[in-house]
N, C-alpha and C. Protein backbone atom coordinates (compact mmCIF):
# COMPACT_ATOMS: atom_id res chain seq x y z
N MET A 1 0.85 -1.20 0.00
CA MET A 1 0.00 0.00 0.00
C MET A 1 0.88 1.24 0.00
N SER A 2 0.53 2.22 -0.85
CA SER A 2 1.32 3.43 -0.94
C SER A 2 1.09 4.33 0.26
N LEU A 3 1.97 5.32 0.42
CA LEU A 3 1.84 6.28 1.52
C LEU A 3 0.53 7.04 1.42
N LEU A 4 0.15 7.45 0.19
CA LEU A 4 -1.10 8.18 0.01
C LEU A 4 -2.30 7.34 0.41
N GLN A 5 -2.24 6.05 0.08
CA GLN A 5 -3.35 5.17 0.45
C GLN A 5 -3.44 5.02 1.96
N LYS A 6 -2.27 4.96 2.63
CA LYS A 6 -2.26 4.85 4.09
C LYS A 6 -2.83 6.12 4.73
N LEU A 7 -2.46 7.28 4.17
CA LEU A 7 -2.86 8.55 4.76
C LEU A 7 -4.33 8.87 4.50
N PHE A 8 -4.80 8.62 3.26
CA PHE A 8 -6.13 9.09 2.88
C PHE A 8 -7.12 7.97 2.58
N GLY A 9 -6.65 6.74 2.58
CA GLY A 9 -7.54 5.64 2.27
C GLY A 9 -7.50 5.30 0.79
N GLU A 10 -7.63 4.03 0.49
CA GLU A 10 -7.49 3.56 -0.89
C GLU A 10 -8.55 4.14 -1.80
N SER A 11 -9.81 4.25 -1.35
CA SER A 11 -10.88 4.74 -2.21
C SER A 11 -10.68 6.20 -2.57
N THR A 12 -10.19 7.00 -1.62
CA THR A 12 -9.96 8.42 -1.89
C THR A 12 -8.88 8.60 -2.93
N VAL A 13 -7.79 7.84 -2.81
CA VAL A 13 -6.70 7.92 -3.78
C VAL A 13 -7.18 7.50 -5.16
N LYS A 14 -8.00 6.45 -5.21
CA LYS A 14 -8.53 5.98 -6.49
C LYS A 14 -9.40 7.04 -7.13
N GLU A 15 -10.24 7.74 -6.32
CA GLU A 15 -11.09 8.79 -6.85
C GLU A 15 -10.27 9.92 -7.43
N GLU A 16 -9.21 10.31 -6.72
CA GLU A 16 -8.35 11.38 -7.22
C GLU A 16 -7.66 10.96 -8.51
N SER A 17 -7.25 9.70 -8.59
CA SER A 17 -6.61 9.20 -9.80
C SER A 17 -7.57 9.22 -10.97
N ASN A 18 -8.83 8.82 -10.73
CA ASN A 18 -9.82 8.82 -11.79
C ASN A 18 -10.10 10.23 -12.29
N LYS A 19 -10.14 11.20 -11.35
CA LYS A 19 -10.34 12.59 -11.75
C LYS A 19 -9.22 13.05 -12.66
N LYS A 20 -7.99 12.74 -12.26
CA LYS A 20 -6.84 13.14 -13.06
C LYS A 20 -6.88 12.48 -14.43
N ASP A 21 -7.26 11.20 -14.48
CA ASP A 21 -7.37 10.50 -15.75
C ASP A 21 -8.39 11.18 -16.65
N PHE A 22 -9.51 11.61 -16.07
CA PHE A 22 -10.57 12.26 -16.84
C PHE A 22 -10.09 13.58 -17.41
N TYR A 23 -9.51 14.41 -16.57
CA TYR A 23 -9.03 15.70 -17.03
C TYR A 23 -7.90 15.55 -18.04
N GLN A 24 -7.03 14.58 -17.81
CA GLN A 24 -5.90 14.37 -18.72
C GLN A 24 -6.39 13.89 -20.08
N ALA A 25 -7.43 13.05 -20.06
CA ALA A 25 -7.97 12.55 -21.32
C ALA A 25 -8.56 13.70 -22.14
N ILE A 26 -9.24 14.62 -21.47
CA ILE A 26 -9.80 15.78 -22.17
C ILE A 26 -8.68 16.61 -22.78
N GLU A 27 -7.63 16.80 -22.01
CA GLU A 27 -6.50 17.61 -22.49
C GLU A 27 -5.76 16.92 -23.64
N ASN A 28 -5.64 15.61 -23.57
CA ASN A 28 -4.87 14.87 -24.57
C ASN A 28 -5.61 14.68 -25.89
N ARG A 29 -6.94 14.82 -25.86
CA ARG A 29 -7.71 14.64 -27.08
C ARG A 29 -7.40 15.78 -28.04
N ARG A 30 -6.73 15.46 -29.12
CA ARG A 30 -6.32 16.46 -30.11
C ARG A 30 -6.61 15.92 -31.51
N SER A 31 -6.54 16.80 -32.48
CA SER A 31 -6.65 16.37 -33.88
C SER A 31 -5.32 15.78 -34.32
N ILE A 32 -5.34 14.47 -34.58
CA ILE A 32 -4.14 13.76 -35.02
C ILE A 32 -4.35 13.32 -36.46
N TYR A 33 -3.52 13.83 -37.37
CA TYR A 33 -3.67 13.53 -38.78
C TYR A 33 -2.69 12.46 -39.26
N ALA A 34 -1.55 12.36 -38.60
CA ALA A 34 -0.54 11.38 -38.99
C ALA A 34 -0.84 10.06 -38.28
N ILE A 35 -1.47 9.13 -39.00
CA ILE A 35 -1.88 7.85 -38.41
C ILE A 35 -1.56 6.73 -39.40
N ASN A 36 -1.41 5.51 -38.86
CA ASN A 36 -1.27 4.34 -39.73
C ASN A 36 -2.23 3.26 -39.27
N ASN A 37 -2.19 2.12 -39.94
CA ASN A 37 -3.18 1.07 -39.67
C ASN A 37 -2.66 -0.03 -38.75
N GLU A 38 -1.62 0.26 -37.98
CA GLU A 38 -1.15 -0.73 -37.01
C GLU A 38 -2.18 -0.92 -35.90
N THR A 39 -2.29 -2.14 -35.41
CA THR A 39 -3.26 -2.46 -34.37
C THR A 39 -2.88 -1.81 -33.05
N VAL A 40 -3.84 -1.13 -32.44
CA VAL A 40 -3.63 -0.53 -31.12
C VAL A 40 -4.35 -1.35 -30.05
N VAL A 41 -5.62 -1.65 -30.30
CA VAL A 41 -6.39 -2.57 -29.45
C VAL A 41 -7.19 -3.47 -30.38
N SER A 42 -7.83 -4.48 -29.83
CA SER A 42 -8.59 -5.42 -30.65
C SER A 42 -9.84 -4.74 -31.23
N ASP A 43 -10.35 -5.30 -32.32
CA ASP A 43 -11.60 -4.80 -32.89
C ASP A 43 -12.74 -4.94 -31.89
N GLU A 44 -12.70 -5.99 -31.08
CA GLU A 44 -13.73 -6.19 -30.07
C GLU A 44 -13.71 -5.05 -29.05
N ARG A 45 -12.51 -4.58 -28.71
CA ARG A 45 -12.40 -3.45 -27.77
C ARG A 45 -12.94 -2.17 -28.40
N ILE A 46 -12.66 -1.96 -29.67
CA ILE A 46 -13.20 -0.79 -30.36
C ILE A 46 -14.73 -0.82 -30.30
N HIS A 47 -15.29 -1.98 -30.58
CA HIS A 47 -16.75 -2.16 -30.55
C HIS A 47 -17.28 -1.84 -29.15
N GLU A 48 -16.60 -2.33 -28.13
CA GLU A 48 -17.02 -2.11 -26.75
C GLU A 48 -17.00 -0.61 -26.41
N VAL A 49 -15.95 0.07 -26.80
CA VAL A 49 -15.81 1.50 -26.50
C VAL A 49 -16.91 2.31 -27.20
N ILE A 50 -17.16 2.00 -28.48
CA ILE A 50 -18.19 2.71 -29.23
C ILE A 50 -19.56 2.46 -28.63
N ASN A 51 -19.86 1.22 -28.31
CA ASN A 51 -21.16 0.88 -27.71
C ASN A 51 -21.38 1.63 -26.40
N HIS A 52 -20.35 1.68 -25.58
CA HIS A 52 -20.46 2.37 -24.29
C HIS A 52 -20.77 3.84 -24.50
N ALA A 53 -20.09 4.47 -25.46
CA ALA A 53 -20.31 5.88 -25.72
C ALA A 53 -21.72 6.14 -26.23
N VAL A 54 -22.18 5.32 -27.17
CA VAL A 54 -23.52 5.51 -27.73
C VAL A 54 -24.59 5.32 -26.67
N LYS A 55 -24.39 4.35 -25.80
CA LYS A 55 -25.40 4.06 -24.77
C LYS A 55 -25.49 5.15 -23.72
N HIS A 56 -24.37 5.77 -23.36
CA HIS A 56 -24.36 6.65 -22.19
C HIS A 56 -24.25 8.14 -22.50
N THR A 57 -24.08 8.52 -23.77
CA THR A 57 -24.06 9.94 -24.10
C THR A 57 -25.49 10.48 -24.07
N PRO A 58 -25.73 11.60 -23.41
CA PRO A 58 -27.10 12.11 -23.26
C PRO A 58 -27.67 12.66 -24.57
N SER A 59 -29.01 12.69 -24.63
CA SER A 59 -29.71 13.28 -25.77
C SER A 59 -30.99 13.93 -25.28
N ALA A 60 -31.44 14.95 -25.99
CA ALA A 60 -32.64 15.68 -25.59
C ALA A 60 -33.85 14.75 -25.59
N PHE A 61 -34.64 14.83 -24.51
CA PHE A 61 -35.83 14.00 -24.36
C PHE A 61 -35.48 12.51 -24.41
N ASN A 62 -34.22 12.19 -24.14
CA ASN A 62 -33.73 10.81 -24.26
C ASN A 62 -34.09 10.23 -25.61
N SER A 63 -33.94 11.06 -26.65
CA SER A 63 -34.37 10.66 -27.99
C SER A 63 -33.51 9.56 -28.59
N GLN A 64 -32.22 9.51 -28.18
CA GLN A 64 -31.29 8.50 -28.69
C GLN A 64 -31.32 8.45 -30.22
N SER A 65 -31.24 9.63 -30.81
CA SER A 65 -31.35 9.75 -32.27
C SER A 65 -30.03 9.51 -33.00
N ALA A 66 -28.93 9.44 -32.27
CA ALA A 66 -27.63 9.25 -32.91
C ALA A 66 -27.50 7.83 -33.46
N ARG A 67 -26.84 7.73 -34.60
CA ARG A 67 -26.53 6.44 -35.21
C ARG A 67 -25.05 6.46 -35.58
N VAL A 68 -24.38 5.34 -35.40
CA VAL A 68 -22.94 5.26 -35.64
C VAL A 68 -22.62 4.06 -36.51
N VAL A 69 -21.74 4.25 -37.47
CA VAL A 69 -21.23 3.16 -38.30
C VAL A 69 -19.72 3.16 -38.15
N VAL A 70 -19.14 2.00 -37.84
CA VAL A 70 -17.68 1.87 -37.71
C VAL A 70 -17.17 1.08 -38.91
N LEU A 71 -16.28 1.70 -39.66
CA LEU A 71 -15.71 1.07 -40.84
C LEU A 71 -14.27 0.67 -40.57
N LEU A 72 -13.96 -0.60 -40.75
CA LEU A 72 -12.61 -1.12 -40.55
C LEU A 72 -12.14 -1.82 -41.82
N GLY A 73 -10.84 -2.00 -41.94
CA GLY A 73 -10.28 -2.75 -43.07
C GLY A 73 -10.66 -2.16 -44.41
N GLU A 74 -11.11 -3.02 -45.33
CA GLU A 74 -11.44 -2.57 -46.68
C GLU A 74 -12.60 -1.59 -46.70
N ASN A 75 -13.51 -1.69 -45.74
CA ASN A 75 -14.62 -0.74 -45.67
C ASN A 75 -14.11 0.66 -45.37
N HIS A 76 -13.14 0.76 -44.48
CA HIS A 76 -12.50 2.05 -44.18
C HIS A 76 -11.86 2.63 -45.43
N HIS A 77 -11.10 1.81 -46.16
CA HIS A 77 -10.44 2.29 -47.38
C HIS A 77 -11.46 2.69 -48.44
N LYS A 78 -12.56 1.96 -48.50
CA LYS A 78 -13.60 2.27 -49.48
C LYS A 78 -14.18 3.65 -49.24
N LEU A 79 -14.39 3.99 -47.97
CA LEU A 79 -14.94 5.32 -47.66
C LEU A 79 -14.06 6.43 -48.21
N TRP A 80 -12.75 6.32 -48.00
CA TRP A 80 -11.87 7.40 -48.41
C TRP A 80 -11.62 7.37 -49.91
N SER A 81 -11.84 6.24 -50.54
CA SER A 81 -11.83 6.18 -52.00
C SER A 81 -13.05 6.91 -52.55
N ILE A 82 -14.22 6.66 -51.94
CA ILE A 82 -15.44 7.35 -52.34
C ILE A 82 -15.27 8.86 -52.17
N THR A 83 -14.73 9.27 -51.03
CA THR A 83 -14.56 10.70 -50.75
C THR A 83 -13.58 11.33 -51.74
N THR A 84 -12.49 10.62 -52.02
CA THR A 84 -11.50 11.13 -52.98
C THR A 84 -12.12 11.36 -54.34
N GLU A 85 -12.84 10.37 -54.85
CA GLU A 85 -13.41 10.48 -56.18
C GLU A 85 -14.53 11.51 -56.23
N THR A 86 -15.26 11.66 -55.14
CA THR A 86 -16.30 12.69 -55.08
C THR A 86 -15.69 14.08 -55.14
N LEU A 87 -14.62 14.28 -54.39
CA LEU A 87 -13.96 15.59 -54.38
C LEU A 87 -13.26 15.88 -55.71
N ARG A 88 -12.81 14.82 -56.36
CA ARG A 88 -12.14 15.00 -57.65
C ARG A 88 -13.07 15.68 -58.67
N LYS A 89 -14.37 15.46 -58.49
CA LYS A 89 -15.36 16.03 -59.41
C LYS A 89 -15.60 17.52 -59.16
N VAL A 90 -15.25 18.01 -57.97
CA VAL A 90 -15.57 19.40 -57.63
C VAL A 90 -14.33 20.27 -57.42
N VAL A 91 -13.17 19.66 -57.22
CA VAL A 91 -11.94 20.41 -57.03
C VAL A 91 -11.19 20.48 -58.36
N PRO A 92 -10.77 21.65 -58.79
CA PRO A 92 -10.02 21.75 -60.07
C PRO A 92 -8.81 20.83 -60.08
N ALA A 93 -8.57 20.21 -61.23
CA ALA A 93 -7.50 19.21 -61.35
C ALA A 93 -6.14 19.76 -60.94
N ASP A 94 -5.88 21.02 -61.28
CA ASP A 94 -4.56 21.59 -60.97
C ASP A 94 -4.42 21.96 -59.49
N GLN A 95 -5.50 21.82 -58.73
CA GLN A 95 -5.46 22.11 -57.29
C GLN A 95 -5.76 20.88 -56.45
N PHE A 96 -5.85 19.72 -57.12
CA PHE A 96 -6.31 18.52 -56.41
C PHE A 96 -5.22 17.84 -55.59
N GLY A 97 -3.96 18.12 -55.84
CA GLY A 97 -2.87 17.45 -55.16
C GLY A 97 -2.98 17.48 -53.64
N PRO A 98 -3.11 18.66 -53.01
CA PRO A 98 -3.22 18.71 -51.55
C PRO A 98 -4.43 17.96 -51.01
N THR A 99 -5.53 18.02 -51.76
CA THR A 99 -6.74 17.30 -51.34
C THR A 99 -6.50 15.79 -51.35
N GLU A 100 -5.86 15.30 -52.39
CA GLU A 100 -5.58 13.86 -52.48
C GLU A 100 -4.62 13.42 -51.39
N GLU A 101 -3.65 14.26 -51.07
CA GLU A 101 -2.72 13.94 -49.98
C GLU A 101 -3.46 13.80 -48.66
N LYS A 102 -4.41 14.69 -48.43
CA LYS A 102 -5.19 14.63 -47.19
C LYS A 102 -6.03 13.36 -47.14
N MET A 103 -6.65 13.01 -48.26
CA MET A 103 -7.45 11.78 -48.30
C MET A 103 -6.58 10.55 -48.03
N ASN A 104 -5.35 10.57 -48.55
CA ASN A 104 -4.43 9.46 -48.31
C ASN A 104 -4.05 9.36 -46.84
N LEU A 105 -3.92 10.50 -46.17
CA LEU A 105 -3.63 10.51 -44.73
C LEU A 105 -4.75 9.80 -43.97
N PHE A 106 -5.99 10.17 -44.28
CA PHE A 106 -7.12 9.56 -43.58
C PHE A 106 -7.23 8.07 -43.91
N GLY A 107 -7.05 7.75 -45.18
CA GLY A 107 -7.17 6.36 -45.60
C GLY A 107 -6.09 5.46 -45.03
N ALA A 108 -4.97 6.06 -44.61
CA ALA A 108 -3.86 5.27 -44.06
C ALA A 108 -4.15 4.77 -42.65
N GLY A 109 -5.24 5.24 -42.04
CA GLY A 109 -5.56 4.87 -40.67
C GLY A 109 -6.13 3.47 -40.53
N TYR A 110 -6.58 3.16 -39.32
CA TYR A 110 -7.10 1.82 -39.02
C TYR A 110 -8.60 1.73 -39.29
N GLY A 111 -9.31 2.83 -39.11
CA GLY A 111 -10.76 2.79 -39.29
C GLY A 111 -11.35 4.18 -39.30
N THR A 112 -12.64 4.24 -39.50
CA THR A 112 -13.37 5.51 -39.49
C THR A 112 -14.70 5.30 -38.78
N VAL A 113 -15.06 6.27 -37.95
CA VAL A 113 -16.38 6.29 -37.32
C VAL A 113 -17.23 7.29 -38.09
N LEU A 114 -18.39 6.84 -38.56
CA LEU A 114 -19.35 7.72 -39.22
C LEU A 114 -20.46 8.06 -38.23
N PHE A 115 -20.78 9.33 -38.12
CA PHE A 115 -21.82 9.80 -37.20
C PHE A 115 -23.04 10.25 -38.00
N PHE A 116 -24.20 9.77 -37.57
CA PHE A 116 -25.46 10.12 -38.22
C PHE A 116 -26.48 10.57 -37.17
N GLU A 117 -27.52 11.25 -37.65
CA GLU A 117 -28.71 11.52 -36.84
C GLU A 117 -29.92 10.98 -37.61
N ASP A 118 -30.73 10.20 -36.93
CA ASP A 118 -31.91 9.61 -37.55
C ASP A 118 -33.02 10.65 -37.60
N GLN A 119 -33.32 11.13 -38.80
CA GLN A 119 -34.30 12.20 -38.94
C GLN A 119 -35.73 11.73 -38.64
N GLU A 120 -35.99 10.46 -38.73
CA GLU A 120 -37.32 9.95 -38.35
C GLU A 120 -37.57 10.21 -36.87
N VAL A 121 -36.55 10.03 -36.06
CA VAL A 121 -36.69 10.27 -34.62
C VAL A 121 -36.91 11.75 -34.37
N VAL A 122 -36.11 12.59 -35.03
CA VAL A 122 -36.22 14.03 -34.84
C VAL A 122 -37.61 14.53 -35.27
N GLU A 123 -38.06 14.08 -36.43
CA GLU A 123 -39.36 14.52 -36.94
C GLU A 123 -40.51 14.02 -36.07
N SER A 124 -40.36 12.84 -35.51
CA SER A 124 -41.40 12.31 -34.62
C SER A 124 -41.52 13.18 -33.36
N LEU A 125 -40.40 13.61 -32.83
CA LEU A 125 -40.42 14.48 -31.66
C LEU A 125 -41.02 15.84 -32.00
N GLN A 126 -40.74 16.33 -33.19
CA GLN A 126 -41.32 17.60 -33.62
C GLN A 126 -42.84 17.51 -33.67
N GLU A 127 -43.35 16.36 -34.09
CA GLU A 127 -44.81 16.17 -34.15
C GLU A 127 -45.40 16.02 -32.76
N GLN A 128 -44.70 15.31 -31.87
CA GLN A 128 -45.22 15.08 -30.53
C GLN A 128 -45.18 16.33 -29.66
N PHE A 129 -44.15 17.14 -29.86
CA PHE A 129 -43.97 18.33 -29.01
C PHE A 129 -43.81 19.55 -29.93
N ALA A 130 -44.94 19.96 -30.51
CA ALA A 130 -44.92 21.01 -31.52
C ALA A 130 -44.33 22.32 -31.01
N ALA A 131 -44.49 22.61 -29.74
CA ALA A 131 -43.97 23.86 -29.18
C ALA A 131 -42.46 23.94 -29.26
N TYR A 132 -41.79 22.79 -29.32
CA TYR A 132 -40.32 22.75 -29.38
C TYR A 132 -39.82 22.33 -30.77
N ALA A 133 -40.70 22.34 -31.75
CA ALA A 133 -40.37 21.77 -33.06
C ALA A 133 -39.09 22.36 -33.65
N ASP A 134 -38.93 23.66 -33.55
CA ASP A 134 -37.75 24.30 -34.14
C ASP A 134 -36.46 23.93 -33.41
N ASN A 135 -36.59 23.49 -32.17
CA ASN A 135 -35.40 23.20 -31.36
C ASN A 135 -34.85 21.80 -31.56
N PHE A 136 -35.70 20.87 -31.95
CA PHE A 136 -35.24 19.48 -32.00
C PHE A 136 -34.08 19.25 -32.97
N PRO A 137 -34.06 19.86 -34.17
CA PRO A 137 -32.88 19.67 -35.02
C PRO A 137 -31.61 20.23 -34.38
N VAL A 138 -31.74 21.33 -33.65
CA VAL A 138 -30.58 21.91 -32.96
C VAL A 138 -30.12 20.99 -31.85
N TRP A 139 -31.06 20.52 -31.03
CA TRP A 139 -30.70 19.62 -29.94
C TRP A 139 -30.11 18.32 -30.46
N SER A 140 -30.62 17.88 -31.60
CA SER A 140 -30.08 16.67 -32.22
C SER A 140 -28.60 16.84 -32.55
N GLN A 141 -28.24 17.97 -33.14
CA GLN A 141 -26.84 18.22 -33.48
C GLN A 141 -25.98 18.38 -32.24
N GLN A 142 -26.53 19.01 -31.21
CA GLN A 142 -25.78 19.17 -29.96
C GLN A 142 -25.48 17.81 -29.33
N SER A 143 -26.47 16.94 -29.33
CA SER A 143 -26.27 15.60 -28.77
C SER A 143 -25.24 14.83 -29.58
N ASN A 144 -25.30 14.97 -30.90
CA ASN A 144 -24.33 14.27 -31.74
C ASN A 144 -22.93 14.79 -31.50
N GLY A 145 -22.82 16.11 -31.27
CA GLY A 145 -21.51 16.69 -30.95
C GLY A 145 -20.95 16.12 -29.66
N MET A 146 -21.81 15.92 -28.67
CA MET A 146 -21.34 15.31 -27.42
C MET A 146 -20.85 13.89 -27.66
N LEU A 147 -21.60 13.15 -28.49
CA LEU A 147 -21.19 11.78 -28.80
C LEU A 147 -19.85 11.76 -29.52
N GLN A 148 -19.66 12.67 -30.45
CA GLN A 148 -18.38 12.75 -31.16
C GLN A 148 -17.24 12.99 -30.17
N PHE A 149 -17.46 13.88 -29.22
CA PHE A 149 -16.42 14.17 -28.23
C PHE A 149 -16.14 12.95 -27.35
N VAL A 150 -17.19 12.27 -26.91
CA VAL A 150 -17.01 11.10 -26.05
C VAL A 150 -16.24 10.01 -26.79
N ILE A 151 -16.62 9.73 -28.02
CA ILE A 151 -15.93 8.69 -28.79
C ILE A 151 -14.50 9.11 -29.10
N TRP A 152 -14.29 10.35 -29.46
CA TRP A 152 -12.95 10.86 -29.75
C TRP A 152 -12.04 10.71 -28.54
N THR A 153 -12.55 11.11 -27.38
CA THR A 153 -11.76 11.02 -26.15
C THR A 153 -11.53 9.56 -25.76
N SER A 154 -12.54 8.73 -25.96
CA SER A 154 -12.41 7.31 -25.64
C SER A 154 -11.36 6.64 -26.52
N LEU A 155 -11.34 6.98 -27.80
CA LEU A 155 -10.33 6.43 -28.70
C LEU A 155 -8.93 6.88 -28.28
N GLU A 156 -8.82 8.13 -27.85
CA GLU A 156 -7.53 8.63 -27.37
C GLU A 156 -7.06 7.83 -26.16
N LEU A 157 -7.97 7.54 -25.26
CA LEU A 157 -7.62 6.75 -24.06
C LEU A 157 -7.12 5.36 -24.43
N GLU A 158 -7.63 4.82 -25.53
CA GLU A 158 -7.22 3.49 -25.97
C GLU A 158 -5.89 3.52 -26.72
N GLY A 159 -5.40 4.74 -27.02
CA GLY A 159 -4.11 4.86 -27.71
C GLY A 159 -4.19 5.26 -29.17
N PHE A 160 -5.41 5.55 -29.66
CA PHE A 160 -5.57 5.96 -31.04
C PHE A 160 -5.39 7.47 -31.20
N GLY A 161 -5.04 7.87 -32.39
CA GLY A 161 -5.12 9.27 -32.79
C GLY A 161 -6.29 9.41 -33.73
N ALA A 162 -7.00 10.53 -33.67
CA ALA A 162 -8.19 10.71 -34.51
C ALA A 162 -8.36 12.19 -34.86
N SER A 163 -9.21 12.44 -35.84
CA SER A 163 -9.59 13.80 -36.19
C SER A 163 -11.04 13.77 -36.65
N LEU A 164 -11.65 14.94 -36.71
CA LEU A 164 -13.06 15.02 -37.10
C LEU A 164 -13.16 15.74 -38.44
N GLN A 165 -13.82 15.08 -39.41
CA GLN A 165 -13.93 15.60 -40.76
C GLN A 165 -15.41 15.76 -41.15
N HIS A 166 -15.64 16.62 -42.14
CA HIS A 166 -17.02 16.90 -42.57
C HIS A 166 -17.08 16.98 -44.09
N TYR A 167 -17.19 15.81 -44.74
CA TYR A 167 -17.34 15.78 -46.19
C TYR A 167 -18.80 15.53 -46.58
N ASN A 168 -19.66 15.58 -45.61
CA ASN A 168 -21.09 15.60 -45.86
C ASN A 168 -21.49 17.04 -46.23
N PRO A 169 -22.48 17.24 -47.06
CA PRO A 169 -23.36 16.23 -47.66
C PRO A 169 -22.87 15.67 -48.99
N LEU A 170 -21.66 16.00 -49.40
CA LEU A 170 -21.19 15.57 -50.72
C LEU A 170 -21.20 14.05 -50.88
N ILE A 171 -20.88 13.33 -49.80
CA ILE A 171 -20.73 11.88 -49.91
C ILE A 171 -21.92 11.10 -49.36
N ASP A 172 -22.94 11.82 -48.89
CA ASP A 172 -24.03 11.17 -48.15
C ASP A 172 -24.69 10.03 -48.92
N GLU A 173 -25.15 10.31 -50.12
CA GLU A 173 -25.94 9.31 -50.84
C GLU A 173 -25.12 8.08 -51.19
N GLU A 174 -23.88 8.30 -51.61
CA GLU A 174 -23.06 7.14 -51.97
C GLU A 174 -22.72 6.30 -50.74
N VAL A 175 -22.51 6.96 -49.61
CA VAL A 175 -22.25 6.23 -48.37
C VAL A 175 -23.45 5.37 -47.99
N LYS A 176 -24.63 5.95 -48.07
CA LYS A 176 -25.84 5.20 -47.72
C LYS A 176 -26.03 4.02 -48.67
N ASN A 177 -25.78 4.25 -49.94
CA ASN A 177 -25.93 3.17 -50.92
C ASN A 177 -24.89 2.07 -50.72
N GLN A 178 -23.66 2.47 -50.46
CA GLN A 178 -22.57 1.50 -50.33
C GLN A 178 -22.80 0.56 -49.16
N TRP A 179 -23.30 1.11 -48.03
CA TRP A 179 -23.47 0.28 -46.84
C TRP A 179 -24.94 0.02 -46.50
N ASN A 180 -25.81 0.30 -47.47
CA ASN A 180 -27.23 -0.02 -47.33
C ASN A 180 -27.82 0.54 -46.03
N LEU A 181 -27.64 1.83 -45.84
CA LEU A 181 -28.10 2.49 -44.63
C LEU A 181 -29.47 3.14 -44.87
N PRO A 182 -30.27 3.28 -43.84
CA PRO A 182 -31.60 3.89 -44.00
C PRO A 182 -31.52 5.31 -44.54
N SER A 183 -32.49 5.66 -45.38
CA SER A 183 -32.51 6.99 -45.99
C SER A 183 -32.70 8.09 -44.95
N SER A 184 -33.26 7.74 -43.79
CA SER A 184 -33.53 8.75 -42.76
C SER A 184 -32.28 9.12 -41.96
N TRP A 185 -31.20 8.38 -42.16
CA TRP A 185 -29.96 8.69 -41.44
C TRP A 185 -29.24 9.83 -42.13
N LYS A 186 -29.02 10.91 -41.40
CA LYS A 186 -28.33 12.08 -41.94
C LYS A 186 -26.89 12.10 -41.45
N LEU A 187 -25.95 12.06 -42.36
CA LEU A 187 -24.53 12.04 -42.01
C LEU A 187 -24.12 13.40 -41.46
N THR A 188 -23.41 13.39 -40.32
CA THR A 188 -22.98 14.65 -39.71
C THR A 188 -21.47 14.81 -39.63
N ALA A 189 -20.72 13.70 -39.56
CA ALA A 189 -19.27 13.82 -39.43
C ALA A 189 -18.60 12.48 -39.68
N GLN A 190 -17.31 12.54 -39.99
CA GLN A 190 -16.49 11.35 -40.19
C GLN A 190 -15.24 11.48 -39.32
N MET A 191 -14.88 10.39 -38.62
CA MET A 191 -13.74 10.42 -37.70
C MET A 191 -12.75 9.31 -38.06
N PRO A 192 -11.76 9.61 -38.92
CA PRO A 192 -10.71 8.62 -39.18
C PRO A 192 -9.80 8.47 -37.96
N PHE A 193 -9.42 7.23 -37.65
CA PHE A 193 -8.56 7.01 -36.49
C PHE A 193 -7.54 5.93 -36.80
N GLY A 194 -6.45 5.94 -36.06
CA GLY A 194 -5.41 4.95 -36.26
C GLY A 194 -4.30 5.11 -35.25
N ASN A 195 -3.26 4.34 -35.43
CA ASN A 195 -2.09 4.45 -34.56
C ASN A 195 -1.37 5.76 -34.89
N PRO A 196 -1.21 6.66 -33.90
CA PRO A 196 -0.58 7.95 -34.19
C PRO A 196 0.91 7.79 -34.49
N THR A 197 1.36 8.45 -35.55
CA THR A 197 2.77 8.39 -35.93
C THR A 197 3.48 9.72 -35.69
N ALA A 198 2.73 10.74 -35.30
CA ALA A 198 3.32 12.03 -34.95
C ALA A 198 2.37 12.74 -34.00
N ALA A 199 2.94 13.53 -33.11
CA ALA A 199 2.13 14.24 -32.12
C ALA A 199 1.40 15.41 -32.77
N ALA A 200 0.35 15.88 -32.11
CA ALA A 200 -0.35 17.07 -32.58
C ALA A 200 0.56 18.29 -32.44
N GLY A 201 0.32 19.28 -33.25
CA GLY A 201 1.10 20.50 -33.17
C GLY A 201 0.70 21.35 -31.98
N GLY A 202 1.33 22.50 -31.85
CA GLY A 202 1.02 23.40 -30.75
C GLY A 202 -0.40 23.94 -30.85
N LYS A 203 -0.93 24.35 -29.71
CA LYS A 203 -2.29 24.85 -29.68
C LYS A 203 -2.36 26.06 -28.76
N GLU A 204 -2.82 27.17 -29.30
CA GLU A 204 -2.94 28.39 -28.51
C GLU A 204 -4.34 28.48 -27.91
N SER A 205 -4.41 28.97 -26.69
CA SER A 205 -5.69 29.15 -26.02
C SER A 205 -5.89 30.62 -25.67
N LYS A 206 -7.06 31.12 -25.97
CA LYS A 206 -7.38 32.49 -25.60
C LYS A 206 -7.53 32.59 -24.09
N PRO A 207 -7.30 33.78 -23.51
CA PRO A 207 -7.42 33.94 -22.05
C PRO A 207 -8.78 33.49 -21.55
N LEU A 208 -8.77 32.69 -20.51
CA LEU A 208 -10.03 32.14 -20.00
C LEU A 208 -10.93 33.22 -19.41
N ASP A 209 -10.34 34.30 -18.89
CA ASP A 209 -11.19 35.35 -18.31
C ASP A 209 -12.00 36.08 -19.38
N GLU A 210 -11.66 35.87 -20.67
CA GLU A 210 -12.45 36.42 -21.76
C GLU A 210 -13.56 35.45 -22.19
N ARG A 211 -13.46 34.21 -21.73
CA ARG A 211 -14.35 33.17 -22.21
C ARG A 211 -15.26 32.59 -21.12
N VAL A 212 -14.91 32.84 -19.87
CA VAL A 212 -15.68 32.28 -18.75
C VAL A 212 -16.03 33.40 -17.78
N LYS A 213 -17.29 33.49 -17.39
CA LYS A 213 -17.73 34.45 -16.39
C LYS A 213 -18.39 33.68 -15.26
N ILE A 214 -18.00 33.97 -14.03
CA ILE A 214 -18.57 33.34 -12.84
C ILE A 214 -19.17 34.42 -11.96
N PHE A 215 -20.42 34.26 -11.59
CA PHE A 215 -21.11 35.22 -10.73
C PHE A 215 -21.53 34.52 -9.44
N LYS A 216 -21.18 35.11 -8.33
CA LYS A 216 -21.55 34.53 -7.03
C LYS A 216 -22.62 35.39 -6.36
């Protein structure tokens, strides 16, 4: 037993450790673009982490409108092939080089998490609670943003590097067709992840006293 455990009790030390782990995980979650497809944890563990996040992330009216698709292996590569060819149609050929390089970075990873919102759920709530109808699409996006953060942070804790991308709505229809997804699922973001091969760059933070106000 450590000195801290003797002085403050084992449960207290464990609680403090968990707090530090939580805060450190938030701080460590960064946009990591340099990734490869080396195994970090088992696919079963990835599934477990994603399931836990989807089950426990809050949603307005407990709507549980978020939908998640995890693409691994050839499915992951197929997504970034689809995205590359879609962008090739809209980006001028003489400017496509940097775009293709970025797509190759994402495709080099281990997998991608696709985030959706089920519009049938959102529309049903709008009908049931007409007074809040205008708010439900907003709350839906807010809930999905929380889920993205939870999954991103969870992947970081497992040792993955990840980033959040938004090639929707350009790729929406082809993605739904490729993986036979319901038409009511609206794509909101794509999160490529993999074994990090380089650390995130520096990050500047604005003064907190300009961003946080506390009134007693």
